[in-house]
Amino acid sequence: MDDTLMSVQIIPKTPNGEDVIPYVDEAIKVIDDSGLDYRVGPLDTTVQGDMNECLILLQKLNDRMVELEVPSIISQVKFYHAPEGITIETLTGKYDEV
C-alpha cells in the first residue's frame, strides 16, 4: 500500500560549473525507472509509494549523481506518511484540471 509521499529536490554541484538541468533530468529518469507514481513540479518532484520504496529511491538518486561524477549533492526531502494510505491526488486533486 502506498503510505508515503516524498517530495525530493536534488541539487548537484556540477563538475565544471555547467547547468544543473541535465543532471535534474537524469534524476527524473531514475524516478521514472522506479515504476512509482510521481509528479514533477517546477522546484521538486513528488513521489508516491511506501516508505521503504521512497528511501531506496532516494539512495538511487544520489548514486546516479555520483555516477555522473558530481562533486557534491544536496538532497532536500520531505515525507508525508499516512499509515492508512495516501496518494498525490488526495492532496492535489482539487487543483488538477478537469
Protein backbone atom coordinates (compact mmCIF):
# COMPACT_ATOMS: atom_id res chain seq x y z
CA MET A 1 0.00 0.00 0.00
CA ASP A 2 1.21 3.50 -0.81
CA ASP A 3 1.51 5.18 2.56
CA THR A 4 4.10 7.85 1.82
CA LEU A 5 4.52 10.91 -0.33
CA MET A 6 8.11 12.03 -0.74
CA SER A 7 8.94 15.45 -2.11
CA VAL A 8 12.52 15.49 -3.36
CA GLN A 9 14.76 18.15 -4.84
CA ILE A 10 18.24 17.13 -6.00
CA ILE A 11 20.73 20.00 -6.24
CA PRO A 12 24.02 18.73 -7.64
CA LYS A 13 27.19 20.75 -7.73
CA THR A 14 28.16 20.24 -11.35
CA PRO A 15 31.69 19.10 -12.22
CA ASN A 16 32.58 22.12 -14.36
CA GLY A 17 30.02 24.68 -13.29
CA GLU A 18 27.61 23.75 -16.08
CA ASP A 19 23.82 23.99 -15.90
CA VAL A 20 22.18 21.62 -13.42
CA ILE A 21 19.09 20.90 -15.58
CA PRO A 22 20.62 17.92 -17.46
CA TYR A 23 21.50 16.39 -14.07
CA VAL A 24 17.99 17.01 -12.76
CA ASP A 25 16.67 15.34 -15.92
CA GLU A 26 18.81 12.32 -15.07
CA ALA A 27 17.32 12.27 -11.56
CA ILE A 28 13.81 12.36 -13.01
CA LYS A 29 14.74 9.44 -15.28
CA VAL A 30 15.75 7.45 -12.18
CA ILE A 31 12.36 8.28 -10.64
CA ASP A 32 10.56 7.26 -13.83
CA ASP A 33 12.51 3.99 -13.99
CA SER A 34 11.45 3.20 -10.40
CA GLY A 35 7.88 2.50 -11.53
CA LEU A 36 6.49 4.62 -8.70
CA ASP A 37 3.80 7.21 -9.36
CA TYR A 38 5.23 10.72 -9.38
CA ARG A 39 4.54 14.29 -10.35
CA VAL A 40 7.23 16.71 -11.48
CA GLY A 41 6.85 20.24 -10.17
CA PRO A 42 8.84 23.35 -11.00
CA LEU A 43 11.07 23.06 -7.92
CA ASP A 44 10.75 19.46 -6.78
CA THR A 45 9.20 16.12 -7.63
CA THR A 46 6.63 14.28 -5.51
CA VAL A 47 6.80 10.50 -5.43
CA GLN A 48 4.11 8.15 -4.13
CA GLY A 49 4.98 4.76 -2.63
CA ASP A 50 5.66 3.03 0.63
CA MET A 51 8.30 4.47 2.93
CA ASN A 52 10.89 1.80 2.12
CA GLU A 53 10.50 2.32 -1.64
CA CYS A 54 10.93 6.06 -1.21
CA LEU A 55 14.08 5.66 0.87
CA ILE A 56 15.57 3.22 -1.64
CA LEU A 57 14.75 5.66 -4.44
CA LEU A 58 16.46 8.47 -2.57
CA GLN A 59 19.63 6.36 -2.39
CA LYS A 60 19.38 5.58 -6.12
CA LEU A 61 19.07 9.28 -6.92
CA ASN A 62 22.24 10.06 -5.03
CA ASP A 63 24.01 7.04 -6.53
CA ARG A 64 23.18 8.31 -10.03
CA MET A 65 24.64 11.72 -9.26
CA VAL A 66 27.83 10.02 -8.04
CA GLU A 67 27.93 8.01 -11.29
CA LEU A 68 27.75 11.32 -13.15
CA GLU A 69 30.77 12.45 -11.14
CA VAL A 70 29.20 15.43 -9.41
CA PRO A 71 31.45 16.67 -6.58
CA SER A 72 28.56 17.01 -4.11
CA ILE A 73 24.78 16.71 -3.86
CA ILE A 74 22.21 18.47 -1.73
CA SER A 75 19.00 16.45 -1.38
CA GLN A 76 16.06 18.33 0.07
CA VAL A 77 13.41 15.82 1.10
CA LYS A 78 10.03 15.97 2.79
CA PHE A 79 7.88 13.00 3.74
CA TYR A 80 4.13 12.78 4.33
CA HIS A 81 3.36 9.43 5.91
CA ALA A 82 -0.19 8.15 6.40
CA PRO A 83 -0.44 4.51 7.56
CA GLU A 84 -3.97 4.23 6.14
CA GLY A 85 -2.67 5.21 2.68
CA ILE A 86 -2.11 8.37 0.71
CA THR A 87 -1.96 9.44 -2.93
CA ILE A 88 -0.77 12.57 -4.66
CA GLU A 89 -4.33 13.19 -5.80
CA THR A 90 -5.57 13.11 -2.20
CA LEU A 91 -3.72 16.36 -1.60
CA THR A 92 -3.80 17.99 -5.04
CA GLY A 93 -6.77 16.51 -6.90
CA LYS A 94 -8.99 19.54 -6.31
CA TYR A 95 -6.40 21.66 -8.16
CA ASP A 96 -5.98 19.38 -11.16
CA GLU A 97 -7.58 20.40 -14.44
CA VAL A 98 -10.80 18.60 -15.15
